[in-house]
Every structure is written in structure tokens, then in C-alpha cells.
Protein backbone atom coordinates (compact mmCIF):
# COMPACT_ATOMS: atom_id res chain seq x y z
CA MET A 1 -80.64 16.77 -47.40
CA ARG A 2 -81.66 13.07 -47.40
CA GLY A 3 -82.77 11.93 -43.88
CA SER A 4 -81.51 9.14 -41.66
CA ALA A 5 -82.51 5.63 -42.86
CA LYS A 6 -86.10 4.26 -41.62
CA PRO A 7 -85.52 2.47 -38.11
CA HIS A 8 -85.78 -1.09 -38.47
CA PRO A 9 -86.42 -3.85 -35.51
CA VAL A 10 -83.54 -4.70 -33.52
CA ALA A 11 -81.32 -7.90 -34.98
CA THR A 12 -79.89 -9.06 -31.41
CA PRO A 13 -77.40 -11.52 -31.70
CA PRO A 14 -78.48 -15.09 -30.54
CA PRO A 15 -77.29 -16.51 -27.22
CA ASN A 16 -73.69 -18.04 -27.42
CA HIS A 17 -73.36 -16.81 -30.89
CA ASP A 18 -69.41 -16.75 -30.84
CA LYS A 19 -69.38 -20.22 -29.46
CA ASN A 20 -71.76 -21.56 -31.60
CA ARG A 21 -70.06 -19.96 -34.68
CA MET A 22 -66.53 -21.38 -33.26
CA ASN A 23 -67.65 -24.65 -33.62
CA ARG A 24 -69.00 -24.49 -36.83
CA ARG A 25 -65.76 -23.16 -38.22
CA GLN A 26 -63.56 -26.00 -36.37
CA LYS A 27 -65.76 -28.76 -37.51
CA LYS A 28 -66.86 -28.33 -40.86
CA ASP A 29 -64.76 -25.26 -42.52
CA PRO A 30 -61.90 -26.25 -44.66
CA SER A 31 -60.86 -22.98 -45.39
CA ILE A 32 -59.03 -22.13 -42.13
CA PRO A 33 -55.49 -23.44 -42.54
CA PRO A 34 -53.87 -25.76 -40.05
CA ALA A 35 -50.48 -23.65 -40.49
CA GLY A 36 -51.79 -20.43 -39.62
CA GLY A 37 -53.59 -21.90 -36.39
CA ASN A 38 -56.71 -19.72 -35.32
CA THR A 39 -54.97 -16.56 -34.52
CA GLU A 40 -55.56 -13.67 -37.23
CA ILE A 41 -53.57 -10.68 -35.34
CA ARG A 42 -50.88 -11.31 -32.42
CA VAL A 43 -49.47 -8.55 -30.15
CA GLU A 44 -46.43 -9.59 -28.37
CA ASN A 45 -44.83 -7.46 -25.51
CA LEU A 46 -45.77 -4.52 -27.43
CA TYR A 47 -44.23 -1.02 -25.87
CA LYS A 48 -44.83 2.46 -26.87
CA ALA A 49 -44.05 5.95 -25.54
CA PHE A 50 -44.18 9.48 -27.08
CA GLY A 51 -41.14 11.52 -25.37
CA GLU A 52 -41.33 10.95 -21.49
CA HIS A 53 -45.26 9.86 -21.83
CA THR A 54 -45.01 5.89 -22.06
CA VAL A 55 -48.39 4.74 -23.58
CA LEU A 56 -48.40 1.06 -24.10
CA GLN A 57 -46.71 -1.18 -21.52
CA GLY A 58 -45.97 -4.62 -22.59
CA ILE A 59 -49.47 -5.49 -24.40
CA ASN A 60 -50.07 -9.10 -25.06
CA LEU A 61 -53.12 -10.04 -27.18
CA ASP A 62 -54.20 -12.63 -29.86
CA ILE A 63 -57.03 -11.83 -32.01
CA HIS A 64 -58.83 -15.15 -33.19
CA ARG A 65 -60.44 -15.72 -36.89
CA GLY A 66 -64.03 -15.02 -36.27
CA ASP A 67 -63.75 -12.83 -33.48
CA ILE A 68 -65.93 -9.72 -32.79
CA LEU A 69 -63.35 -8.27 -30.10
CA ALA A 70 -64.02 -4.32 -28.67
CA ILE A 71 -61.32 -2.47 -27.01
CA ILE A 72 -62.45 0.05 -24.52
CA GLY A 73 -60.95 2.08 -21.90
CA GLY A 74 -60.86 5.81 -20.87
CA SER A 75 -59.49 8.25 -23.06
CA GLY A 76 -55.44 8.16 -23.26
CA CYS A 77 -55.41 4.81 -22.30
CA GLY A 78 -53.77 3.62 -25.53
CA LYS A 79 -56.51 2.14 -27.82
CA THR A 80 -55.95 4.32 -30.77
CA VAL A 81 -52.03 3.71 -30.29
CA LEU A 82 -52.77 -0.10 -30.12
CA LEU A 83 -54.83 0.17 -33.27
CA ASN A 84 -52.16 2.34 -35.15
CA HIS A 85 -49.84 -0.33 -34.35
CA ILE A 86 -52.06 -3.44 -35.54
CA LEU A 87 -52.77 -1.17 -38.91
CA GLY A 88 -48.80 -0.74 -39.13
CA LEU A 89 -49.02 3.02 -39.02
CA LEU A 90 -46.71 2.95 -35.92
CA ALA A 91 -43.49 1.50 -35.21
CA PRO A 92 -43.43 -0.23 -31.56
CA ASP A 93 -40.56 0.79 -29.30
CA ARG A 94 -40.46 -2.84 -28.00
CA GLY A 95 -42.12 -5.96 -29.11
CA ARG A 96 -44.22 -6.87 -32.28
CA VAL A 97 -47.17 -7.25 -34.11
CA LEU A 98 -47.99 -10.20 -36.30
CA VAL A 99 -50.85 -10.34 -39.27
CA THR A 100 -51.77 -13.37 -41.01
CA ASP A 101 -50.96 -13.18 -44.83
CA HIS A 102 -53.91 -14.74 -46.30
CA ASP A 103 -52.15 -14.71 -49.87
CA ALA A 104 -48.95 -16.38 -48.79
CA PRO A 105 -48.73 -20.51 -48.61
CA GLY A 106 -50.17 -21.83 -45.40
CA GLU A 107 -51.40 -18.28 -44.62
CA PRO A 108 -48.50 -17.75 -42.05
CA LEU A 109 -48.63 -14.99 -39.44
CA CYS A 110 -45.89 -12.11 -40.34
CA ASP A 111 -43.99 -9.61 -38.44
CA LEU A 112 -45.16 -6.23 -39.62
CA ALA A 113 -41.78 -5.01 -39.17
CA LYS A 114 -40.30 -7.26 -41.59
CA ILE A 115 -42.78 -7.39 -44.48
CA SER A 116 -41.66 -5.00 -47.28
CA PRO A 117 -43.96 -2.46 -47.95
CA GLU A 118 -45.76 -4.10 -51.08
CA GLY A 119 -46.33 -7.07 -48.80
CA VAL A 120 -48.13 -4.62 -46.33
CA ASP A 121 -50.29 -3.21 -49.13
CA ARG A 122 -51.42 -6.75 -50.00
CA ILE A 123 -52.13 -7.46 -46.33
CA HIS A 124 -53.93 -4.11 -45.93
CA ARG A 125 -56.08 -5.17 -49.09
CA ARG A 126 -57.63 -7.82 -47.20
CA TRP A 127 -58.81 -5.56 -44.35
CA GLY A 128 -61.61 -2.90 -43.96
CA MET A 129 -61.30 0.28 -41.91
CA VAL A 130 -64.21 2.56 -40.68
CA PHE A 131 -62.70 5.78 -39.07
CA GLN A 132 -64.13 7.82 -36.36
CA ARG A 133 -64.88 10.94 -38.63
CA ASN A 134 -65.55 8.41 -41.61
CA ALA A 135 -62.77 10.05 -44.01
CA LEU A 136 -65.05 10.28 -46.69
CA PHE A 137 -63.67 12.03 -49.80
CA SER A 138 -65.15 15.26 -51.55
CA GLY A 139 -67.39 14.25 -54.29
CA SER A 140 -70.16 12.07 -54.76
CA VAL A 141 -71.35 8.40 -52.92
CA LEU A 142 -70.04 6.40 -56.09
CA ASP A 143 -66.60 8.35 -55.89
CA ASN A 144 -66.10 7.03 -52.34
CA ILE A 145 -66.85 3.66 -52.96
CA ALA A 146 -65.06 3.69 -56.52
CA LEU A 147 -61.55 5.07 -55.58
CA TRP A 148 -60.48 2.11 -53.78
CA LEU A 149 -61.78 -0.60 -56.19
CA ARG A 150 -60.43 1.54 -59.18
CA GLU A 151 -56.68 2.39 -57.66
CA ILE A 152 -56.34 -1.05 -55.70
CA ARG A 153 -58.21 -3.66 -57.47
CA GLU A 154 -58.14 -2.01 -60.81
CA MET A 155 -61.57 -2.92 -61.68
CA PRO A 156 -63.31 -1.83 -64.94
CA GLU A 157 -66.17 0.95 -64.33
CA GLU A 158 -68.93 -1.60 -65.11
CA ASP A 159 -67.74 -3.92 -62.10
CA ILE A 160 -67.03 -0.58 -59.79
CA ARG A 161 -70.87 0.21 -60.35
CA ARG A 162 -72.29 -3.16 -59.58
CA ILE A 163 -70.43 -3.44 -56.45
CA ALA A 164 -71.12 -0.31 -55.57
CA ARG A 165 -74.78 -0.91 -55.62
CA GLN A 166 -74.35 -4.22 -53.64
CA SER A 167 -72.48 -2.52 -51.01
CA LEU A 168 -74.90 0.40 -50.45
CA LYS A 169 -78.02 -2.47 -50.52
CA ALA A 170 -76.03 -4.24 -47.74
CA VAL A 171 -75.78 -1.53 -45.33
CA GLY A 172 -79.18 -0.44 -45.74
CA LEU A 173 -78.60 2.98 -48.33
CA PRO A 174 -80.22 3.55 -51.69
CA SER A 175 -78.37 2.19 -54.70
CA ASP A 176 -80.34 3.93 -57.25
CA ASP A 177 -78.39 6.46 -59.61
CA GLU A 178 -80.08 9.29 -58.34
CA PHE A 179 -78.04 8.57 -54.79
CA LEU A 180 -74.93 7.28 -56.34
CA ALA A 181 -74.36 10.63 -58.01
CA SER A 182 -75.67 12.75 -54.73
CA SER A 183 -72.92 14.21 -52.68
CA GLN A 184 -71.65 12.86 -49.62
CA GLU A 185 -71.97 16.21 -47.63
CA ALA A 186 -75.55 15.98 -48.36
CA LEU A 187 -75.98 12.76 -46.10
CA SER A 188 -76.90 13.12 -42.37
CA GLY A 189 -74.56 11.55 -39.75
CA GLY A 190 -75.89 7.90 -39.78
CA MET A 191 -76.15 7.69 -43.64
CA ALA A 192 -72.53 8.96 -43.66
CA LYS A 193 -71.34 6.11 -41.63
CA ARG A 194 -73.01 3.49 -43.52
CA LEU A 195 -71.17 5.01 -46.72
CA ALA A 196 -67.97 4.71 -44.78
CA VAL A 197 -69.10 1.05 -43.95
CA ALA A 198 -70.16 0.12 -47.49
CA ARG A 199 -66.79 1.43 -48.87
CA ALA A 200 -64.98 -0.76 -46.52
CA VAL A 201 -67.27 -3.75 -47.23
CA SER A 202 -66.71 -3.05 -51.17
CA MET A 203 -63.32 -4.39 -50.90
CA SER A 204 -64.71 -7.57 -49.31
CA PRO A 205 -62.46 -7.69 -46.44
CA THR A 206 -61.38 -10.57 -43.99
CA ILE A 207 -60.88 -8.12 -41.28
CA MET A 208 -63.21 -4.91 -40.22
CA PHE A 209 -61.83 -2.19 -37.94
CA TYR A 210 -64.08 0.19 -36.48
CA ASP A 211 -62.74 3.41 -34.72
CA GLU A 212 -65.54 4.62 -32.47
CA PRO A 213 -68.43 4.08 -35.20
CA THR A 214 -71.04 5.34 -32.88
CA THR A 215 -69.48 8.13 -31.01
CA GLY A 216 -71.90 11.43 -31.56
CA LEU A 217 -74.59 9.60 -33.37
CA ASP A 218 -78.21 9.92 -32.08
CA PRO A 219 -79.69 6.77 -30.15
CA THR A 220 -81.76 5.83 -33.31
CA SER A 221 -78.58 5.78 -35.68
CA SER A 222 -76.30 4.28 -33.10
CA SER A 223 -78.73 1.31 -32.86
CA GLN A 224 -78.64 0.93 -36.71
CA ILE A 225 -75.02 0.72 -36.76
CA HIS A 226 -74.98 -1.62 -33.80
CA ASP A 227 -77.26 -3.92 -36.19
CA LEU A 228 -74.98 -3.34 -39.43
CA ILE A 229 -72.02 -4.14 -37.59
CA TYR A 230 -73.27 -7.13 -36.48
CA LYS A 231 -74.52 -8.00 -40.23
CA THR A 232 -71.31 -7.29 -41.76
CA HIS A 233 -69.34 -9.42 -39.09
CA GLU A 234 -71.58 -12.37 -39.89
CA ALA A 235 -71.05 -12.16 -43.79
CA ARG A 236 -68.00 -13.98 -44.91
CA ASP A 237 -65.49 -12.63 -47.04
CA ALA A 238 -64.97 -13.14 -50.92
CA ASP A 239 -63.03 -16.49 -50.18
CA GLY A 240 -65.92 -17.84 -47.85
CA ARG A 241 -63.71 -17.05 -44.43
CA HIS A 242 -65.33 -16.03 -41.62
CA ARG A 243 -64.87 -12.39 -40.94
CA THR A 244 -63.27 -11.07 -38.02
CA THR A 245 -64.33 -7.47 -36.22
CA VAL A 246 -62.17 -5.14 -33.74
CA ILE A 247 -64.06 -2.19 -32.53
CA ILE A 248 -62.74 1.09 -30.63
CA THR A 249 -65.77 2.17 -28.80
CA HIS A 250 -66.98 3.81 -25.52
CA ASP A 251 -70.78 2.77 -26.37
CA LYS A 252 -72.22 0.77 -23.67
CA ASP A 253 -75.27 0.06 -25.66
CA LEU A 254 -73.06 -1.64 -28.41
CA LEU A 255 -71.49 -3.70 -25.75
CA LYS A 256 -74.57 -4.82 -24.54
CA ARG A 257 -76.14 -5.84 -27.80
CA LEU A 258 -73.24 -7.39 -29.28
CA ARG A 259 -71.55 -9.00 -26.34
CA PRO A 260 -68.25 -9.02 -27.98
CA ARG A 261 -64.91 -10.42 -26.50
CA THR A 262 -63.99 -7.34 -24.32
CA VAL A 263 -60.38 -6.19 -23.85
CA MET A 264 -60.30 -3.21 -21.67
CA LEU A 265 -56.96 -1.04 -21.53
CA HIS A 266 -55.86 0.81 -18.48
CA GLU A 267 -52.61 2.85 -17.96
CA GLY A 268 -50.97 1.13 -20.90
CA LYS A 269 -51.78 -2.51 -19.88
CA ILE A 270 -54.59 -4.80 -20.61
CA TYR A 271 -56.65 -4.78 -17.25
CA PHE A 272 -59.38 -7.08 -18.49
CA ASP A 273 -59.92 -9.60 -21.41
CA GLY A 274 -62.72 -11.78 -21.61
CA PRO A 275 -66.87 -12.25 -22.47
CA PHE A 276 -68.43 -8.77 -21.71
CA GLU A 277 -70.75 -10.79 -19.53
CA GLN A 278 -67.76 -11.09 -17.38
CA PHE A 279 -66.87 -7.70 -17.56
CA GLU A 280 -70.41 -6.47 -16.60
CA GLN A 281 -70.14 -8.56 -13.51
CA ARG A 282 -66.64 -6.61 -12.57
CA ALA A 283 -68.37 -3.29 -12.95
CA ASP A 284 -67.92 -2.56 -9.24
CA SER A 285 -64.24 -2.54 -9.55
CA ALA A 286 -62.21 0.45 -8.44
CA ILE A 287 -60.72 0.85 -12.25
CA ILE A 288 -64.16 -0.42 -13.95
CA ARG A 289 -66.80 1.66 -12.19
CA PRO A 290 -65.50 5.24 -12.81
CA TYR A 291 -64.82 4.04 -16.61
CA PHE A 292 -68.34 2.67 -16.76
CA ARG A 293 -69.96 5.85 -15.64
CA LEU A 294 -68.08 7.83 -17.86
CA MET A 295 -68.78 5.89 -20.90
CA PRO A 296 -72.17 7.77 -22.00
CA THR A 297 -70.23 11.04 -21.82
CA LEU A 298 -67.23 9.73 -23.63
CA HIS A 299 -69.38 8.17 -26.31
CA GLN A 300 -71.56 11.46 -27.04
CA ARG A 301 -68.61 14.03 -26.71
CA ASN A 302 -67.23 16.00 -29.41
CA PRO A 303 -64.19 13.79 -31.05
CA ASP A 304 -61.92 16.86 -29.88
CA GLN A 305 -63.06 16.67 -26.29
CA THR A 306 -61.17 14.25 -23.56
CA PRO A 307 -62.69 14.39 -20.44
CA PRO A 308 -60.49 12.88 -17.41
CA LEU A 309 -61.82 9.83 -15.30
CA PRO A 310 -63.69 10.84 -12.25
CA VAL A 311 -62.43 9.93 -8.81
CA ALA A 312 -63.53 6.43 -7.78
């Protein structure tokens, strides 16, 4: 088994990096079309219930181009259900989800429910997803990166191998023939997570989604994944667009290091939406305080375990 990647210095984001990036984009970047505005994803009045259990109750959320956004909240608050609606895996009971179609003239926001299956597939080609349990395929490292490039992009094998090497280097993994041929099952937890990111990056996505990317990892591996998420976010997609990042997480250290826009769900509604600095300032509230205390437990838990929030 190959060991975890060698620890490297912390790459702390510069102060006000989101604001500075926004200013650069608005002033200099002609790739942002006026017709689509600055919104990448819009959730409008979203409701969802499973039987008698209501999970989402009127969610309204705009995700802007270039955002690095963390969705947080206690187990069962609706984070994953919200993400699955954004990904088009669930249909709303009420409300709608609009996403930008970057391949249509003017790059408009389109209602997912009204897009054809072919249109949804086209939009998904612009998205990269890193699953909580990685969802790696059986087989080699190369097999995991090659499948989407082969089946979706229909690339020749020579180009696939070249992009695989580039993607592995981008996430700090070896890119030699021996590693490409090695089994993904032989990788450590941190390296498997890096491979999952490399697979997503290989498609040069405009939006990156992460579902609890550091849950269950040791502190060193978690720190490396924090840096990797930030590095991947700062890189542009194949067309030169600023990348948007959406993270479902319980990782308090990730929040403190990346300082993302933070959205907290509570009882199916958005309780907080704003800079992480403001979220920290409200840490003594009756709703945030118990969740803040439980975050380390949720972060380190087995994914099948969902402890309840303690009494405030």
C-alpha cells in the first residue's frame, strides 16, 4: 500500500480573497456574460418531504459565479437533500432549481425540471462531483480517470492518458506508469480522496461539488484536502471561467482555513447565510452553539452514524 502524500506547508488563503477575486472578475473578465448575470445556481422556494417528514421548507439560495460556499448544519437538516435537488437527482414538491447552461447562447439560467435529459447531461458535463465515500470504480487509478473521458468526452486513449497524468499532478499524486496501473483499492484514505478529486478535475468542470470531503480522514490528510480544494477552486475551467465550489461539510477546520460563504440549514430552512467570520461571531446563539460543539464528532464519525444535536 502506498502511504499518504507527504505533508506540505499550509496554503492559507489571503485575506479578503473572495472580494478581491470578485473585483477582478467584474472589472476585467469578458468571459462572464451579461445575460446570465452573476448567478450560477438559483434555488427558489424549495420544498421537499418524504412521507410525513418534511425536510426542506422554502429554501431560497443564489450561488454566484466564483463562490466558494459551504453548506452546514446538523444531521438530518436537509444538506444532502438540497444538494441532490441541485444535482437534479430529486424533484421538488414545490419550488424550482435553476442552473446556468454554459453551452446555450447567452448562458441563461434554466429550470432543471424543464430541461430535456440530453440537456441535463450537457449541463452535468460542466460539473465535477467528489462523493463522501469517493465512489471510485474497481480497477486501476487510470481506469477511474479514463471512464468519464472515454464515455462522455469520447477522447482517444492517448489524450486520456495525458489528461490523467495532468490531473494526478494537479492533486499532488504520482503520475508515472506504475501508479496509473496500480489498484485504487491499495490507496490510503487521503490518496483515494485525491484520486476522486483528480477524476472530477479531469473533466475541467466549471462547478465543483464536494460531499463531506474530509469526514473520517486524519488531521494531516484533512489539511491536505483543504489545500487541494482551495487550489482547485482558484484554477479556471477549460474556457477560462472562474470556478464555483459548493461543499457539504461538518469540518470546522475547513471553514476556519478557507473562510467560505457559509450557509447553515436548520429544520429545513436557511438559518444563516453569510461570511464565515459573521457565523463565528454568532457562535453563542441557541441554534449555532450546540451544532458548533458537535461538529468535531460529526466530522470524525462513521458515515452511517448520525448522532443527534445535544440540548443547548
